[in-house]
Amino acid sequence: MFVVSRVVGVGNPLQVLNNILVKTDQGRIKLSSTNLEIGVNTWIGAKIEEEGSLTVPAKLINEYINNLPTDNVTLTTQETVLNLESENYNTNIKGLSADDFPIIPQVSDEPFAKIDSSEFKDALSETIWAAANNETQPEISGIYFNFEEDKLRIAATDRYRLAERVAVLKEPVKMMREVIIPSRTINELYKILGTGVGDVEIFFSESQVLFKFEETELISRLIDGQYPPYKEIIPKAFSTNITTNRSEFIHALKAAALFASDSYNVNIRAIPGEGMRVAASSVAAGENTTLIKSEVHGSENNAIFNYRYILDCLNNLKEEKIVLKLINDASPAMIEVEGRNNYLYIVMPIKI
């Protein structure tokens, strides 16, 4: 119930969009919801005595089911009322006819690609937060998927930063394909994609994508447009490489953030033979400097960054050794994971 209720809005003028469709389907119960951009179907086991269907308010039934002391519930319908019986509980919920519920589009029967759910979720966690929030630029408000051979390249950018992760598919795709998927779709997918659910199958139609795993399907429209040619901004060479501890870097940034509340700006200085200094100051709060023992290769370097952009990256990585690469105080910097070549994060410095 939680899975399908996530995409349902609140107070939608079209009342049926606030509801979940509950219907019998080949010996099981099928639950469906949609906001007209994203649709979710999930199936649960049941003993079906009579076929039926009805839509009921998503928020009400989700919270009610979560409150029941037992997993066994008997459902019956009478016109537009759903009756639920469980132990000492007996409840009637007023709903709407299933005939009013929008049709969720069907997508092709043959999966285009298949990926391990853990691999997929890790790739999403390292990228999707970098997409733009402003939907006036629909292309970069979405997540870029590029399927080629046995690789899925996932990228997200808001033009100030870029995250890219390459994931391995279970088998090579038959043809290359590039699509842009709305960020909300991928964020909802990430939240309902549990660990250890096996494989995720990905289906396409001309304008829709479907993700299928276990007994759940998530369907969404695709964004029509051309994703920016972001590879052109990825630097080929750097002046300074800093290998450092991710957790120590996070603590230093959080300490500096207390003194950068007005601007979000922190100064990062690489000093060969000494390490990396993270500093911030403000007229109101004072100043802070933290020295992190790090391996610095190349020249001494210095740049100012929005600390939130760096924390977004570091907080979504698992490994403790990361590499920060600098050119100068006006060129893109890069964060990579030491010993892993399937991830990169580009962030622009702030010009003062």
Protein backbone atom coordinates (compact mmCIF):
# COMPACT_ATOMS: atom_id res chain seq x y z
CA MET A 1 0.00 0.00 0.00
CA PHE A 2 2.87 2.36 0.83
CA VAL A 3 4.39 1.83 -2.62
CA VAL A 4 1.33 2.96 -4.58
CA SER A 5 0.33 5.76 -2.20
CA ARG A 6 3.64 7.60 -2.69
CA VAL A 7 2.77 9.11 -6.08
CA VAL A 8 -0.72 10.21 -5.09
CA GLY A 9 -1.14 13.95 -4.58
CA VAL A 10 -3.21 15.68 -1.91
CA GLY A 11 -6.21 17.86 -2.65
CA ASN A 12 -6.21 17.17 -6.40
CA PRO A 13 -9.27 18.82 -8.00
CA LEU A 14 -9.82 15.57 -9.91
CA GLN A 15 -10.83 13.58 -6.84
CA VAL A 16 -10.11 10.13 -8.28
CA LEU A 17 -6.39 11.06 -8.53
CA ASN A 18 -6.34 11.20 -4.72
CA ASN A 19 -7.41 7.54 -4.72
CA ILE A 20 -5.85 4.10 -5.13
CA LEU A 21 -7.49 1.61 -7.47
CA VAL A 22 -8.08 -1.74 -5.75
CA LYS A 23 -9.12 -4.56 -8.08
CA THR A 24 -8.92 -8.31 -8.40
CA ASP A 25 -6.57 -9.56 -11.09
CA GLN A 26 -6.00 -13.24 -11.93
CA GLY A 27 -6.19 -14.52 -8.38
CA ARG A 28 -4.43 -11.56 -6.77
CA ILE A 29 -5.22 -8.00 -5.72
CA LYS A 30 -3.84 -5.28 -7.96
CA LEU A 31 -3.24 -1.82 -6.46
CA SER A 32 -2.73 1.15 -8.82
CA SER A 33 -2.15 4.88 -8.48
CA THR A 34 -1.24 7.74 -10.81
CA ASN A 35 -0.70 11.49 -10.88
CA LEU A 36 -0.99 11.46 -14.71
CA GLU A 37 2.83 11.68 -15.01
CA ILE A 38 3.81 8.61 -12.97
CA GLY A 39 1.81 5.42 -12.56
CA VAL A 40 2.44 2.57 -10.13
CA ASN A 41 1.01 -0.95 -10.16
CA THR A 42 1.71 -3.57 -7.52
CA TRP A 43 0.21 -7.01 -6.88
CA ILE A 44 -0.35 -8.77 -3.54
CA GLY A 45 -1.40 -12.33 -2.83
CA ALA A 46 -5.00 -12.93 -1.81
CA LYS A 47 -7.78 -15.52 -1.78
CA ILE A 48 -10.31 -14.19 -4.28
CA GLU A 49 -13.93 -15.25 -3.76
CA GLU A 50 -15.55 -12.72 -6.11
CA GLU A 51 -14.18 -10.30 -8.71
CA GLY A 52 -14.45 -6.57 -8.02
CA SER A 53 -12.86 -3.14 -8.17
CA LEU A 54 -13.10 0.23 -6.46
CA THR A 55 -11.00 3.34 -5.80
CA VAL A 56 -10.46 4.57 -2.23
CA PRO A 57 -8.61 7.59 -0.74
CA ALA A 58 -4.89 6.77 -0.72
CA LYS A 59 -3.89 8.59 2.45
CA LEU A 60 -6.79 7.22 4.49
CA ILE A 61 -6.42 3.56 3.53
CA ASN A 62 -2.61 3.61 3.77
CA GLU A 63 -2.66 5.01 7.31
CA TYR A 64 -5.51 2.71 8.32
CA ILE A 65 -3.80 -0.47 7.04
CA ASN A 66 -0.56 0.52 8.80
CA ASN A 67 -2.52 0.83 12.05
CA LEU A 68 -3.98 -2.70 11.97
CA PRO A 69 -2.50 -5.23 14.42
CA THR A 70 -2.61 -8.11 11.93
CA ASP A 71 -1.62 -8.75 8.31
CA ASN A 72 -4.86 -10.58 7.48
CA VAL A 73 -7.66 -8.35 6.16
CA THR A 74 -10.96 -9.28 4.49
CA LEU A 75 -12.11 -6.86 1.79
CA THR A 76 -15.63 -6.62 0.41
CA THR A 77 -17.30 -3.95 -1.72
CA GLN A 78 -20.86 -2.69 -1.88
CA GLU A 79 -21.37 -0.15 -4.65
CA THR A 80 -18.75 2.56 -3.84
CA VAL A 81 -17.97 1.47 -0.25
CA LEU A 82 -15.02 -0.73 0.72
CA ASN A 83 -15.47 -2.81 3.88
CA LEU A 84 -12.37 -4.01 5.76
CA GLU A 85 -12.53 -6.60 8.53
CA SER A 86 -9.53 -7.61 10.66
CA GLU A 87 -9.80 -9.23 14.11
CA ASN A 88 -11.90 -6.74 16.11
CA TYR A 89 -11.74 -4.00 13.47
CA ASN A 90 -14.62 -3.34 11.08
CA THR A 91 -14.38 -0.32 8.80
CA ASN A 92 -16.25 1.13 5.83
CA ILE A 93 -14.36 3.52 3.53
CA LYS A 94 -16.25 5.59 0.98
CA GLY A 95 -14.67 5.50 -2.47
CA LEU A 96 -15.34 6.18 -6.13
CA SER A 97 -16.15 3.94 -9.06
CA ALA A 98 -13.21 2.21 -10.72
CA ASP A 99 -14.63 3.38 -14.06
CA ASP A 100 -13.46 6.93 -13.21
CA PHE A 101 -9.83 5.90 -12.68
CA PRO A 102 -7.42 6.96 -15.48
CA ILE A 103 -5.95 4.26 -17.68
CA ILE A 104 -2.26 3.70 -16.90
CA PRO A 105 -0.44 3.26 -20.25
CA GLN A 106 0.88 -0.15 -21.25
CA VAL A 107 4.47 -0.51 -22.42
CA SER A 108 6.10 -3.16 -24.65
CA ASP A 109 6.10 -6.77 -23.46
CA GLU A 110 9.83 -7.31 -24.07
CA PRO A 111 12.35 -5.72 -21.66
CA PHE A 112 14.90 -3.43 -23.29
CA ALA A 113 17.45 -3.89 -20.49
CA LYS A 114 17.91 -5.67 -17.18
CA ILE A 115 20.03 -4.56 -14.21
CA ASP A 116 20.73 -5.82 -10.70
CA SER A 117 18.67 -3.80 -8.22
CA SER A 118 21.59 -3.13 -5.84
CA GLU A 119 23.82 -1.94 -8.69
CA PHE A 120 20.99 0.25 -9.96
CA LYS A 121 20.20 1.78 -6.58
CA ASP A 122 23.87 2.56 -5.89
CA ALA A 123 24.16 4.29 -9.28
CA LEU A 124 21.04 6.37 -8.62
CA SER A 125 22.17 7.36 -5.12
CA GLU A 126 25.41 8.80 -6.53
CA THR A 127 23.80 10.94 -9.24
CA ILE A 128 20.14 11.94 -9.12
CA TRP A 129 20.46 14.72 -6.51
CA ALA A 130 22.54 16.80 -8.98
CA ALA A 131 19.64 17.43 -11.38
CA ALA A 132 18.15 20.91 -11.72
CA ASN A 133 15.04 21.74 -9.70
CA ASN A 134 13.85 24.36 -12.18
CA GLU A 135 11.43 22.77 -14.65
CA THR A 136 11.68 25.75 -17.02
CA GLN A 137 14.68 23.80 -18.36
CA PRO A 138 13.01 20.39 -18.71
CA GLU A 139 16.03 18.60 -20.17
CA ILE A 140 18.29 19.20 -17.17
CA SER A 141 15.44 18.79 -14.70
CA GLY A 142 15.49 15.14 -15.73
CA ILE A 143 17.96 12.27 -15.40
CA TYR A 144 19.94 11.18 -18.46
CA PHE A 145 20.09 7.43 -19.25
CA ASN A 146 22.41 6.18 -21.99
CA PHE A 147 22.26 2.46 -22.82
CA GLU A 148 25.17 1.12 -24.86
CA GLU A 149 26.34 -2.50 -25.02
CA ASP A 150 26.38 -3.79 -21.42
CA LYS A 151 26.61 -0.33 -19.79
CA LEU A 152 24.06 2.14 -18.48
CA ARG A 153 25.45 5.67 -18.12
CA ILE A 154 23.42 7.83 -15.71
CA ALA A 155 24.03 11.58 -15.50
CA ALA A 156 22.45 14.57 -13.77
CA THR A 157 23.39 18.26 -13.90
CA ASP A 158 22.09 21.72 -13.01
CA ARG A 159 24.86 23.44 -15.05
CA TYR A 160 26.82 24.24 -11.86
CA ARG A 161 27.68 20.61 -11.18
CA LEU A 162 27.49 17.23 -12.86
CA ALA A 163 27.34 13.68 -11.50
CA GLU A 164 27.90 10.68 -13.77
CA ARG A 165 27.89 6.98 -12.91
CA VAL A 166 28.33 3.98 -15.20
CA ALA A 167 26.42 0.85 -14.14
CA VAL A 168 26.75 -2.65 -15.56
CA LEU A 169 23.72 -4.29 -17.19
CA LYS A 170 22.95 -8.00 -16.85
CA GLU A 171 23.40 -8.44 -20.60
CA PRO A 172 24.19 -6.23 -23.62
CA VAL A 173 21.31 -4.24 -25.12
CA LYS A 174 20.39 -4.83 -28.75
CA MET A 175 20.73 -1.16 -29.67
CA MET A 176 22.01 2.09 -28.19
CA ARG A 177 19.36 4.32 -26.63
CA GLU A 178 19.41 7.74 -24.93
CA VAL A 179 16.46 8.99 -22.86
CA ILE A 180 15.68 11.70 -20.30
CA ILE A 181 13.45 10.60 -17.41
CA PRO A 182 11.77 13.09 -15.04
CA SER A 183 13.63 13.49 -11.75
CA ARG A 184 10.50 12.85 -9.72
CA THR A 185 10.07 9.49 -11.44
CA ILE A 186 13.61 8.42 -10.62
CA ASN A 187 13.38 9.74 -7.06
CA GLU A 188 10.20 7.73 -6.49
CA LEU A 189 11.82 4.67 -8.06
CA TYR A 190 14.82 5.05 -5.76
CA LYS A 191 12.61 5.25 -2.66
CA ILE A 192 10.55 2.16 -3.46
CA LEU A 193 13.46 0.12 -4.84
CA GLY A 194 14.32 -2.13 -1.93
CA THR A 195 17.57 -3.98 -1.46
CA GLY A 196 17.81 -7.59 -2.54
CA VAL A 197 14.78 -7.46 -4.84
CA GLY A 198 16.71 -9.14 -7.64
CA ASP A 199 16.70 -7.68 -11.13
CA VAL A 200 14.99 -4.56 -12.45
CA GLU A 201 13.62 -4.84 -15.98
CA ILE A 202 13.38 -1.67 -18.05
CA PHE A 203 10.82 -1.36 -20.85
CA PHE A 204 10.22 1.43 -23.37
CA SER A 205 7.55 2.67 -25.70
CA GLU A 206 7.94 5.75 -27.88
CA SER A 207 7.16 8.16 -25.03
CA GLN A 208 7.02 6.00 -21.89
CA VAL A 209 9.38 4.03 -19.65
CA LEU A 210 8.46 1.19 -17.31
CA PHE A 211 10.56 -0.20 -14.46
CA LYS A 212 9.49 -3.65 -13.24
CA PHE A 213 10.78 -5.50 -10.18
CA GLU A 214 9.27 -8.19 -7.99
CA GLU A 215 5.51 -7.51 -8.03
CA THR A 216 5.74 -3.78 -8.76
CA GLU A 217 5.71 -1.64 -11.92
CA LEU A 218 6.48 2.07 -12.16
CA ILE A 219 5.53 3.80 -15.41
CA SER A 220 6.40 7.33 -16.49
CA ARG A 221 6.49 9.64 -19.44
CA LEU A 222 9.84 10.53 -20.99
CA ILE A 223 11.09 14.11 -21.39
CA ASP A 224 11.24 15.14 -25.03
CA GLY A 225 14.47 17.00 -25.77
CA GLN A 226 18.22 16.83 -26.18
CA TYR A 227 20.42 16.44 -23.11
CA PRO A 228 23.35 18.91 -22.96
CA PRO A 229 26.63 17.56 -24.40
CA TYR A 230 28.15 17.50 -20.91
CA LYS A 231 31.24 15.49 -21.83
CA GLU A 232 32.61 18.64 -23.45
CA ILE A 233 33.03 20.31 -20.03
CA ILE A 234 34.87 17.41 -18.36
CA PRO A 235 38.52 18.47 -18.01
CA LYS A 236 41.19 16.19 -19.44
CA ALA A 237 44.05 17.32 -17.15
CA PHE A 238 44.46 18.82 -13.68
CA SER A 239 47.18 20.77 -11.87
CA THR A 240 46.61 19.22 -8.43
CA ASN A 241 45.34 15.87 -7.15
CA ILE A 242 44.34 15.57 -3.48
CA THR A 243 43.73 12.10 -2.06
CA THR A 244 41.91 12.44 1.23
CA ASN A 245 39.55 10.78 3.71
CA ARG A 246 35.89 11.31 2.87
CA SER A 247 34.62 11.38 6.48
CA GLU A 248 37.28 13.86 7.58
CA PHE A 249 36.46 16.04 4.58
CA ILE A 250 32.75 15.98 5.53
CA HIS A 251 33.50 17.00 9.13
CA ALA A 252 35.77 19.84 7.96
CA LEU A 253 33.11 21.14 5.56
CA LYS A 254 30.41 21.03 8.23
CA ALA A 255 32.64 22.93 10.64
CA ALA A 256 33.40 25.55 7.98
CA ALA A 257 29.69 25.78 7.12
CA LEU A 258 28.99 27.27 10.54
CA PHE A 259 31.08 30.27 9.53
CA ALA A 260 29.79 30.51 5.95
CA SER A 261 26.10 30.90 6.64
CA ASP A 262 25.77 34.07 4.57
CA SER A 263 27.37 32.83 1.37
CA TYR A 264 27.82 29.02 1.54
CA ASN A 265 31.43 29.67 0.40
CA VAL A 266 34.36 27.65 1.69
CA ASN A 267 37.99 27.95 0.64
CA ILE A 268 39.87 24.76 -0.18
CA ARG A 269 43.65 25.00 -0.40
CA ALA A 270 45.96 22.16 -1.40
CA ILE A 271 49.49 22.37 0.02
CA PRO A 272 52.01 19.71 -1.11
CA GLY A 273 53.72 18.07 1.85
CA GLU A 274 51.13 19.39 4.28
CA GLY A 275 47.60 18.48 3.18
CA MET A 276 44.32 20.22 2.48
CA ARG A 277 43.00 23.24 4.36
CA VAL A 278 39.27 23.92 4.51
CA ALA A 279 38.38 27.41 5.72
CA ALA A 280 35.48 29.86 5.96
CA SER A 281 34.83 33.20 7.62
CA SER A 282 32.10 35.76 8.11
CA VAL A 283 31.87 39.14 9.79
CA ALA A 284 29.15 37.96 12.15
CA ALA A 285 30.45 34.50 13.18
CA GLY A 286 34.25 34.64 12.91
CA GLU A 287 36.46 32.17 11.09
CA ASN A 288 37.40 28.51 10.99
CA THR A 289 40.27 26.55 9.41
CA THR A 290 40.69 22.76 9.42
CA LEU A 291 43.77 20.95 8.16
CA ILE A 292 43.14 17.47 6.77
CA LYS A 293 46.21 15.29 6.31
CA SER A 294 46.07 14.37 2.64
CA GLU A 295 48.30 13.27 -0.20
CA VAL A 296 48.77 16.27 -2.48
CA HIS A 297 50.34 15.72 -5.89
CA GLY A 298 51.08 18.61 -8.23
CA SER A 299 51.19 22.32 -7.50
CA GLU A 300 49.79 24.28 -4.58
CA ASN A 301 46.24 25.26 -5.44
CA ASN A 302 43.29 27.15 -4.09
CA ALA A 303 39.59 27.54 -4.98
CA ILE A 304 36.29 28.57 -3.40
CA PHE A 305 33.25 26.27 -3.55
CA ASN A 306 29.66 26.11 -2.39
CA TYR A 307 30.10 23.63 0.46
CA ARG A 308 26.61 22.17 -0.08
CA TYR A 309 27.57 21.00 -3.57
CA ILE A 310 30.58 19.11 -2.26
CA LEU A 311 28.68 17.62 0.69
CA ASP A 312 25.96 16.33 -1.65
CA CYS A 313 28.59 14.25 -3.40
CA LEU A 314 30.53 13.06 -0.34
CA ASN A 315 27.38 12.10 1.58
CA ASN A 316 26.29 9.75 -1.20
CA LEU A 317 29.56 7.86 -1.58
CA LYS A 318 30.45 4.77 0.45
CA GLU A 319 34.22 4.55 0.07
CA GLU A 320 36.49 6.47 2.43
CA LYS A 321 39.26 7.41 -0.01
CA ILE A 322 38.32 10.05 -2.56
CA VAL A 323 40.38 12.19 -4.95
CA LEU A 324 39.71 15.92 -5.42
CA LYS A 325 41.27 17.29 -8.61
CA LEU A 326 41.84 21.01 -9.17
CA ILE A 327 42.97 23.13 -12.13
CA ASN A 328 42.69 26.66 -10.73
CA ASP A 329 40.18 28.93 -9.00
CA ALA A 330 38.12 29.47 -12.17
CA SER A 331 37.95 26.00 -13.77
CA PRO A 332 35.85 22.91 -13.00
CA ALA A 333 37.07 20.61 -10.24
CA MET A 334 36.48 16.87 -10.13
CA ILE A 335 35.81 14.34 -7.37
CA GLU A 336 36.48 10.66 -8.02
CA VAL A 337 36.60 7.55 -5.83
CA GLU A 338 40.09 6.09 -5.41
CA GLY A 339 40.32 2.72 -7.14
CA ARG A 340 36.98 3.06 -8.96
CA ASN A 341 36.69 4.37 -12.52
CA ASN A 342 32.90 4.32 -12.98
CA TYR A 343 32.07 7.59 -11.22
CA LEU A 344 32.89 11.28 -11.49
CA TYR A 345 31.54 14.51 -10.10
CA ILE A 346 32.27 17.91 -11.63
CA VAL A 347 31.67 21.09 -9.63
CA MET A 348 32.30 24.69 -10.63
CA PRO A 349 34.20 26.96 -8.22
CA ILE A 350 32.76 30.31 -7.13
CA LYS A 351 34.37 33.41 -8.59
CA ILE A 352 34.76 36.20 -6.05
